[in-house]
Amino acid sequence: MHRTHGRAGALLAGVLLLTVTACGGGSEPGPGTDEGKGAGKDSTAARSEESRAVVSIAPENGAKAVDTSGDLRITAAGGELTEVVVADAEGAEVDGTIAADGASWTPSRHLAAATTYQVRAVAKDAEGRSATQESRFTTLTPKATFTGTFTPEDGSKVGVGMPFSIRFDRGITDPAAVEKAIEITTEPAVDVQGHWFGNDRLDFRPEEYWKPGTEVTVRLGLDGVEGRPGVYGEQAKTVAFTIGRSQVTVVDAKKLTMEVKRDGKVLRSLPVTTGAPGYETWNGQMVITEKHAEKRMDGATVGYPGEYDIPDVPHAMRLSDSGTFIHGNYWGGSAFGNRNVSHGCIGLRDVKGAWDEKAPGAWFFENSMLGDVVVVKNSNDDTIAPDNGLNGWNMSWADWTA
């Protein structure tokens, strides 16, 4: 009984299957049927949902040795770009701008060298339908590079006269590209402009001395910048420094006095000696760029061979590249405040060995920092050249920004 029931069930299932198949009319609708017309309408609707926008990315996907400037181009036809993301392997994005008409996207800066980038671009047509294109490429590896040596150092606190100065180890023939790659921000905000001295030095400063307490951040985005044909930058670094209190010292070469002002108040007045006749001290605004508790000074290094060679000049601070210092002097006798006897430096009474903390030279050394300003007036010499040391303050703002 049980086995017979099983066969009867199988026969019944077969009849039911045949009935369903007959009612369905088969899996493909016949021509001219309503179902056929319905399928045609669905197919047309699916095709019409495709966006008419077409996104194009150059360089092509998988490209190698792509130039860091000019080769990246993203455009849209039949629609407008709505989103563009260009990022390196670490997710750092390249800033850029979509044109007002949505037809193109332009990077705001150059690309880094020897870097792989992923691109994703989206455009929409007039009906709002999206089209997306992706690409991946790698930039060139330079055969020749340049770097810059800069001052002040990261994390330092400096005086109000300190510019940000960078000297390149190769002459730059595209200064605009290099300058564009250096971004300076300040808190509080102040306009900071760059000025080139020759083709290998670029200094930045505000119109007036920095405001005490200003926080300065410099972003060196030089990696991938073509500074001269075939020569690319390789620095990607952030430098931050703080402006300390304001100290400006005024030296009167005629009265042989020096007045030290901090935050507008006189700290101390001291007798000095400056350049003797024929060796006069430069006039103008000079910035302290080095400090040495003791320093050898040899006349041969500044064009006066055999005239002096002092191995232990105390409390020496550099004011120019050409050898102007303000320093302690233990051999000047009664010259301080009475007569000018130096070879162009500014001398303060001091002791051999730099041990006397109360000596004027020691006091000024301890109360000075890199970036402080020393102004010389009433000397029988010209004003110091702006590029002789970090002394761009001797240029008008109009000339600096020209």
Protein backbone atom coordinates (compact mmCIF):
# COMPACT_ATOMS: atom_id res chain seq x y z
CA MET A 1 0.00 0.00 0.00
CA HIS A 2 2.69 2.44 0.93
CA ARG A 3 4.72 1.85 -2.26
CA THR A 4 1.60 2.14 -4.51
CA HIS A 5 0.71 5.48 -2.89
CA GLY A 6 4.14 6.82 -3.76
CA ARG A 7 3.71 6.05 -7.47
CA ALA A 8 0.29 7.66 -7.55
CA GLY A 9 1.72 10.83 -5.99
CA ALA A 10 4.40 11.03 -8.65
CA LEU A 11 1.81 10.68 -11.43
CA LEU A 12 -0.31 13.45 -9.90
CA ALA A 13 2.71 15.78 -9.71
CA GLY A 14 3.40 15.14 -13.38
CA VAL A 15 -0.13 16.11 -14.34
CA LEU A 16 0.04 19.31 -12.32
CA LEU A 17 3.37 20.28 -13.90
CA LEU A 18 1.95 19.73 -17.39
CA THR A 19 -1.06 21.91 -16.57
CA VAL A 20 1.07 24.78 -15.27
CA THR A 21 3.32 24.64 -18.31
CA ALA A 22 0.41 24.75 -20.68
CA CYS A 23 -1.14 27.74 -18.92
CA GLY A 24 2.18 29.65 -18.91
CA GLY A 25 2.53 29.49 -22.63
CA GLY A 26 6.32 28.82 -22.43
CA SER A 27 9.23 30.95 -21.15
CA GLU A 28 9.45 33.28 -24.23
CA PRO A 29 6.43 35.45 -25.12
CA GLY A 30 5.33 35.23 -28.70
CA PRO A 31 5.64 38.10 -31.13
CA GLY A 32 2.78 40.57 -31.05
CA THR A 33 1.62 39.54 -27.59
CA ASP A 34 1.07 41.99 -24.80
CA GLU A 35 3.90 40.38 -22.87
CA GLY A 36 6.24 40.92 -25.81
CA LYS A 37 5.31 44.60 -25.98
CA GLY A 38 5.84 44.94 -22.24
CA ALA A 39 9.33 43.44 -22.42
CA GLY A 40 10.25 45.84 -25.21
CA LYS A 41 9.22 48.84 -23.14
CA ASP A 42 11.25 47.62 -20.15
CA SER A 43 14.38 47.18 -22.31
CA THR A 44 14.06 50.71 -23.74
CA ALA A 45 13.67 52.17 -20.25
CA ALA A 46 16.84 50.43 -19.07
CA ARG A 47 18.82 51.87 -21.97
CA SER A 48 17.49 55.39 -21.39
CA GLU A 49 18.75 55.33 -17.79
CA GLU A 50 22.37 55.41 -18.99
CA SER A 51 23.97 58.86 -18.52
CA ARG A 52 24.86 60.85 -21.60
CA ALA A 53 27.80 62.35 -19.68
CA VAL A 54 31.24 61.04 -20.62
CA VAL A 55 34.22 61.51 -18.28
CA SER A 56 37.76 61.57 -19.69
CA ILE A 57 40.92 61.26 -17.56
CA ALA A 58 44.45 61.89 -18.74
CA PRO A 59 46.92 60.33 -18.32
CA GLU A 60 45.45 56.97 -19.22
CA ASN A 61 44.93 54.28 -16.65
CA GLY A 62 48.18 52.56 -15.69
CA ALA A 63 50.43 55.29 -17.09
CA LYS A 64 53.99 55.53 -15.74
CA ALA A 65 56.54 58.37 -15.53
CA VAL A 66 53.82 61.02 -15.68
CA ASP A 67 55.04 64.61 -15.42
CA THR A 68 54.22 66.32 -12.12
CA SER A 69 52.72 69.40 -13.80
CA GLY A 70 50.40 69.73 -16.77
CA ASP A 71 49.71 66.08 -17.58
CA LEU A 72 46.74 65.54 -15.26
CA ARG A 73 43.54 66.59 -17.07
CA ILE A 74 39.96 65.64 -16.22
CA THR A 75 37.10 66.66 -18.50
CA ALA A 76 33.42 65.92 -19.09
CA ALA A 77 31.33 65.92 -22.29
CA GLY A 78 27.55 65.68 -22.44
CA GLY A 79 27.32 66.75 -18.80
CA GLU A 80 29.08 68.48 -15.94
CA LEU A 81 31.64 67.26 -13.44
CA THR A 82 30.23 67.08 -9.93
CA GLU A 83 32.99 65.31 -8.01
CA VAL A 84 36.71 64.76 -8.54
CA VAL A 85 39.02 63.04 -6.06
CA VAL A 86 42.73 62.62 -6.73
CA ALA A 87 44.65 61.01 -3.86
CA ASP A 88 47.93 59.24 -3.24
CA ALA A 89 48.31 55.81 -1.63
CA GLU A 90 48.12 57.31 1.85
CA GLY A 91 44.88 59.13 1.12
CA ALA A 92 46.34 62.62 0.85
CA GLU A 93 44.18 64.47 -1.67
CA VAL A 94 45.28 66.90 -4.36
CA ASP A 95 43.31 70.14 -4.19
CA GLY A 96 41.68 71.28 -7.40
CA THR A 97 38.84 73.29 -8.90
CA ILE A 98 35.93 72.33 -11.16
CA ALA A 99 35.39 74.97 -13.84
CA ALA A 100 32.23 77.08 -13.68
CA ASP A 101 30.78 75.26 -16.70
CA GLY A 102 31.59 71.86 -15.19
CA ALA A 103 33.57 70.84 -18.26
CA SER A 104 36.96 70.42 -16.59
CA TRP A 105 38.84 70.06 -13.32
CA THR A 106 42.24 71.65 -12.71
CA PRO A 107 44.66 70.75 -9.89
CA SER A 108 45.64 73.66 -7.66
CA ARG A 109 49.23 72.49 -7.38
CA HIS A 110 51.78 70.17 -8.87
CA LEU A 111 51.92 66.47 -8.06
CA ALA A 112 54.60 64.77 -5.98
CA ALA A 113 57.32 62.85 -7.78
CA ALA A 114 57.53 59.02 -7.79
CA THR A 115 53.98 58.78 -6.43
CA THR A 116 51.00 56.66 -7.43
CA TYR A 117 47.66 58.47 -7.63
CA GLN A 118 44.11 57.13 -7.79
CA VAL A 119 41.54 59.27 -9.64
CA ARG A 120 37.75 59.10 -9.34
CA ALA A 121 35.61 61.54 -11.32
CA VAL A 122 31.80 61.81 -11.50
CA ALA A 123 29.72 63.78 -14.01
CA LYS A 124 25.97 64.19 -14.44
CA ASP A 125 23.96 64.83 -17.60
CA ALA A 126 20.99 67.19 -17.95
CA GLU A 127 18.63 64.56 -16.46
CA GLY A 128 20.85 64.14 -13.39
CA ARG A 129 22.15 60.71 -14.36
CA SER A 130 25.69 60.00 -13.17
CA ALA A 131 28.70 58.64 -15.03
CA THR A 132 31.82 57.63 -13.10
CA GLN A 133 35.34 57.05 -14.34
CA GLU A 134 38.38 55.86 -12.38
CA SER A 135 42.07 55.76 -13.21
CA ARG A 136 45.45 55.10 -11.65
CA PHE A 137 48.86 56.42 -12.67
CA THR A 138 52.38 56.97 -11.31
CA THR A 139 54.49 60.14 -11.62
CA LEU A 140 58.08 60.28 -12.80
CA THR A 141 61.16 59.60 -10.70
CA PRO A 142 63.52 62.61 -11.13
CA LYS A 143 67.07 62.10 -12.33
CA ALA A 144 68.14 65.45 -10.81
CA THR A 145 66.78 67.21 -7.73
CA PHE A 146 67.18 70.39 -5.69
CA THR A 147 66.73 71.14 -2.00
CA GLY A 148 66.64 74.26 0.14
CA THR A 149 68.42 75.14 3.38
CA PHE A 150 66.17 77.35 5.49
CA THR A 151 66.17 79.52 8.57
CA PRO A 152 64.81 79.74 11.24
CA GLU A 153 64.64 76.15 12.41
CA ASP A 154 61.44 74.29 13.14
CA GLY A 155 60.22 74.89 16.69
CA SER A 156 62.40 77.93 17.33
CA LYS A 157 61.52 81.23 18.97
CA VAL A 158 63.00 84.24 17.22
CA GLY A 159 63.03 88.03 17.29
CA VAL A 160 60.67 90.30 15.40
CA GLY A 161 63.12 90.88 12.53
CA MET A 162 63.61 87.24 11.49
CA PRO A 163 62.42 86.52 7.93
CA PHE A 164 61.88 83.01 6.65
CA SER A 165 64.78 82.51 4.26
CA ILE A 166 65.50 79.52 2.04
CA ARG A 167 68.62 79.03 -0.09
CA PHE A 168 68.54 76.46 -2.89
CA ASP A 169 71.44 74.27 -3.93
CA ARG A 170 70.57 74.77 -7.61
CA GLY A 171 69.72 77.95 -9.48
CA ILE A 172 65.98 78.25 -10.05
CA THR A 173 64.70 79.19 -13.51
CA ASP A 174 60.98 78.90 -12.68
CA PRO A 175 60.72 81.03 -9.53
CA ALA A 176 56.93 81.36 -9.80
CA ALA A 177 56.45 77.58 -9.56
CA VAL A 178 58.77 77.33 -6.56
CA GLU A 179 57.25 80.28 -4.73
CA LYS A 180 53.73 78.95 -5.33
CA ALA A 181 54.74 75.69 -3.63
CA ILE A 182 55.68 77.47 -0.38
CA GLU A 183 52.65 78.33 1.76
CA ILE A 184 52.96 80.58 4.83
CA THR A 185 50.18 81.06 7.36
CA THR A 186 50.27 83.13 10.54
CA GLU A 187 48.27 83.59 13.71
CA PRO A 188 47.30 86.38 13.99
CA ALA A 189 46.95 86.77 10.24
CA VAL A 190 49.35 89.11 8.45
CA ASP A 191 50.27 89.56 4.79
CA VAL A 192 53.60 87.83 4.12
CA GLN A 193 55.31 88.21 0.75
CA GLY A 194 58.36 86.61 -0.83
CA HIS A 195 61.31 88.26 -2.55
CA TRP A 196 64.03 86.60 -4.64
CA PHE A 197 67.69 87.53 -4.23
CA GLY A 198 69.31 86.12 -7.35
CA ASN A 199 68.08 82.72 -8.52
CA ASP A 200 68.92 80.69 -5.43
CA ARG A 201 67.52 82.57 -2.42
CA LEU A 202 63.94 83.38 -1.46
CA ASP A 203 63.03 85.38 1.68
CA PHE A 204 59.57 85.97 3.16
CA ARG A 205 58.56 88.77 5.53
CA PRO A 206 55.62 91.05 6.41
CA GLU A 207 55.64 94.76 5.65
CA GLU A 208 56.63 95.70 9.22
CA TYR A 209 58.43 93.74 11.91
CA TRP A 210 56.49 90.73 13.14
CA LYS A 211 54.07 91.26 16.00
CA PRO A 212 55.38 89.56 19.20
CA GLY A 213 53.69 86.23 19.81
CA THR A 214 52.90 85.57 16.15
CA GLU A 215 52.81 81.87 15.24
CA VAL A 216 54.24 81.23 11.77
CA THR A 217 53.75 78.00 9.83
CA VAL A 218 55.60 77.33 6.57
CA ARG A 219 54.63 74.40 4.35
CA LEU A 220 57.35 73.48 1.88
CA GLY A 221 55.52 71.60 -0.87
CA LEU A 222 58.55 71.41 -3.11
CA ASP A 223 58.38 67.68 -3.85
CA GLY A 224 57.80 67.40 -7.59
CA VAL A 225 58.25 71.10 -8.46
CA GLU A 226 60.30 71.52 -11.63
CA GLY A 227 62.54 74.38 -10.54
CA ARG A 228 64.63 74.25 -13.68
CA PRO A 229 64.34 71.98 -16.75
CA GLY A 230 64.64 68.37 -15.62
CA VAL A 231 65.44 69.31 -12.00
CA TYR A 232 62.73 68.68 -9.40
CA GLY A 233 62.32 69.59 -5.75
CA GLU A 234 62.27 66.82 -3.17
CA GLN A 235 61.18 68.55 0.06
CA ALA A 236 57.77 68.13 1.65
CA LYS A 237 58.11 69.60 5.11
CA THR A 238 56.30 71.82 7.58
CA VAL A 239 58.28 74.37 9.60
CA ALA A 240 56.75 76.27 12.52
CA PHE A 241 58.30 79.05 14.59
CA THR A 242 57.17 81.66 17.08
CA ILE A 243 57.99 85.36 17.29
CA GLY A 244 59.23 86.31 20.75
CA ARG A 245 59.32 89.70 22.44
CA SER A 246 60.24 92.76 20.42
CA GLN A 247 63.85 93.92 20.87
CA VAL A 248 65.32 96.63 18.64
CA THR A 249 68.73 98.12 19.43
CA VAL A 250 69.82 101.43 17.92
CA VAL A 251 73.54 102.15 17.55
CA ASP A 252 74.59 105.76 16.95
CA ALA A 253 78.02 105.63 15.29
CA LYS A 254 78.52 109.36 15.86
CA LYS A 255 77.58 109.49 19.55
CA LEU A 256 79.14 106.06 20.16
CA THR A 257 76.12 104.88 22.15
CA MET A 258 73.77 101.92 21.92
CA GLU A 259 70.18 101.97 23.21
CA VAL A 260 68.44 98.64 23.79
CA LYS A 261 64.64 98.75 23.61
CA ARG A 262 62.39 95.84 24.47
CA ASP A 263 58.68 96.09 23.74
CA GLY A 264 59.16 99.83 23.30
CA LYS A 265 60.86 100.44 26.64
CA VAL A 266 64.55 101.26 27.08
CA LEU A 267 66.34 98.43 28.87
CA ARG A 268 69.81 99.90 28.88
CA SER A 269 72.13 102.38 27.17
CA LEU A 270 75.73 101.30 26.59
CA PRO A 271 78.92 102.88 25.17
CA VAL A 272 80.26 101.29 21.97
CA THR A 273 82.96 101.55 19.37
CA THR A 274 82.20 101.12 15.67
CA GLY A 275 84.20 101.18 12.43
CA ALA A 276 87.25 103.42 12.27
CA PRO A 277 87.74 105.83 9.35
CA GLY A 278 88.14 103.74 6.22
CA TYR A 279 86.45 100.76 7.92
CA GLU A 280 83.09 102.33 8.73
CA THR A 281 80.18 100.20 9.92
CA TRP A 282 77.24 99.80 7.58
CA ASN A 283 74.16 101.89 8.27
CA GLY A 284 70.73 100.28 8.29
CA GLN A 285 68.61 97.57 9.87
CA MET A 286 70.44 94.33 10.58
CA VAL A 287 69.18 91.03 11.99
CA ILE A 288 71.12 88.82 14.40
CA THR A 289 71.61 85.48 12.59
CA GLU A 290 74.27 83.70 14.70
CA LYS A 291 75.40 83.68 18.34
CA HIS A 292 78.82 82.47 19.56
CA ALA A 293 80.04 82.60 23.16
CA GLU A 294 83.56 82.85 21.65
CA LYS A 295 84.63 83.04 18.02
CA ARG A 296 87.85 83.33 16.10
CA MET A 297 87.94 86.38 13.83
CA ASP A 298 90.58 86.46 11.10
CA GLY A 299 90.85 89.53 8.88
CA ALA A 300 91.86 87.34 5.96
CA THR A 301 88.32 85.96 5.74
CA VAL A 302 86.79 89.41 5.14
CA GLY A 303 89.41 91.03 2.92
CA TYR A 304 91.84 92.32 5.59
CA PRO A 305 94.66 89.74 5.54
CA GLY A 306 97.31 90.24 8.21
CA GLU A 307 95.46 93.06 9.97
CA TYR A 308 94.01 90.96 12.79
CA ASP A 309 93.49 87.38 13.90
CA ILE A 310 91.80 87.08 17.30
CA PRO A 311 91.11 83.48 18.37
CA ASP A 312 88.65 84.18 21.19
CA VAL A 313 86.40 87.16 20.49
CA PRO A 314 83.76 87.00 23.26
CA HIS A 315 79.99 87.10 22.84
CA ALA A 316 79.92 87.49 19.05
CA MET A 317 76.65 87.84 17.12
CA ARG A 318 76.58 88.00 13.32
CA LEU A 319 74.79 90.86 11.53
CA SER A 320 75.91 90.36 7.90
CA ASP A 321 77.32 87.74 5.55
CA SER A 322 80.28 90.03 4.87
CA GLY A 323 81.58 89.81 8.43
CA THR A 324 79.79 92.47 10.47
CA PHE A 325 79.31 91.39 14.09
CA ILE A 326 78.26 92.99 17.33
CA HIS A 327 80.58 91.49 19.93
CA GLY A 328 82.48 91.85 23.16
CA ASN A 329 85.91 93.50 23.02
CA TYR A 330 88.67 93.03 25.64
CA TRP A 331 91.45 94.86 23.78
CA GLY A 332 89.76 98.23 23.08
CA GLY A 333 90.95 100.01 26.24
CA SER A 334 89.19 103.37 26.60
CA ALA A 335 87.69 103.41 23.08
CA PHE A 336 84.10 102.60 24.15
CA GLY A 337 82.03 105.75 23.96
CA ASN A 338 85.12 107.79 22.93
CA ARG A 339 86.35 106.77 19.48
CA ASN A 340 85.73 104.32 16.65
CA VAL A 341 88.53 101.78 16.29
CA SER A 342 87.06 98.60 14.77
CA HIS A 343 87.21 97.17 11.26
CA GLY A 344 83.46 97.61 10.91
CA CYS A 345 82.07 95.64 13.81
CA ILE A 346 80.20 97.08 16.79
CA GLY A 347 82.24 96.55 19.96
CA LEU A 348 81.12 96.39 23.60
CA ARG A 349 83.38 96.28 26.64
CA ASP A 350 84.11 92.68 27.68
CA VAL A 351 86.79 90.41 29.16
CA LYS A 352 89.08 87.76 27.71
CA GLY A 353 87.56 84.34 28.25
CA ALA A 354 83.99 85.72 28.30
CA TRP A 355 83.66 84.97 32.01
CA ASP A 356 82.35 88.27 33.38
CA GLU A 357 78.54 88.13 33.31
CA LYS A 358 78.34 91.82 34.25
CA ALA A 359 80.37 93.02 31.28
CA PRO A 360 78.30 94.93 28.68
CA GLY A 361 79.18 92.40 25.97
CA ALA A 362 78.00 89.49 28.13
CA TRP A 363 74.83 91.28 29.20
CA PHE A 364 73.80 92.09 25.63
CA PHE A 365 74.59 88.54 24.48
CA GLU A 366 72.42 86.99 27.19
CA ASN A 367 69.56 89.39 26.47
CA SER A 368 69.52 88.85 22.71
CA MET A 369 68.03 86.15 20.49
CA LEU A 370 68.30 85.26 16.83
CA GLY A 371 66.05 87.57 14.86
CA ASP A 372 66.56 90.62 17.08
CA VAL A 373 67.18 93.84 15.18
CA VAL A 374 70.24 96.11 15.45
CA VAL A 375 69.89 99.46 13.68
CA VAL A 376 73.00 101.53 12.90
CA LYS A 377 72.71 105.23 12.11
CA ASN A 378 75.04 108.21 11.57
CA SER A 379 77.90 106.11 10.19
CA ASN A 380 79.95 107.47 7.29
CA ASP A 381 79.06 104.50 5.11
CA ASP A 382 76.22 103.34 2.88
CA THR A 383 73.17 101.39 3.97
CA ILE A 384 73.83 97.67 4.04
CA ALA A 385 72.57 95.70 1.01
CA PRO A 386 69.29 93.83 1.68
CA ASP A 387 70.84 90.48 0.72
CA ASN A 388 73.94 90.93 2.89
CA GLY A 389 72.63 88.82 5.75
CA LEU A 390 68.92 88.63 6.48
CA ASN A 391 68.54 92.35 6.05
CA GLY A 392 65.66 92.73 3.63
CA TRP A 393 64.13 95.33 5.96
CA ASN A 394 66.29 97.85 4.16
CA MET A 395 64.01 97.54 1.12
CA SER A 396 60.74 99.41 0.85
CA TRP A 397 57.60 97.27 0.74
CA ALA A 398 56.97 98.44 -2.83
CA ASP A 399 60.41 97.20 -3.91
CA TRP A 400 60.06 93.99 -1.90
CA THR A 401 56.79 93.07 -3.59
CA ALA A 402 57.66 94.35 -7.07
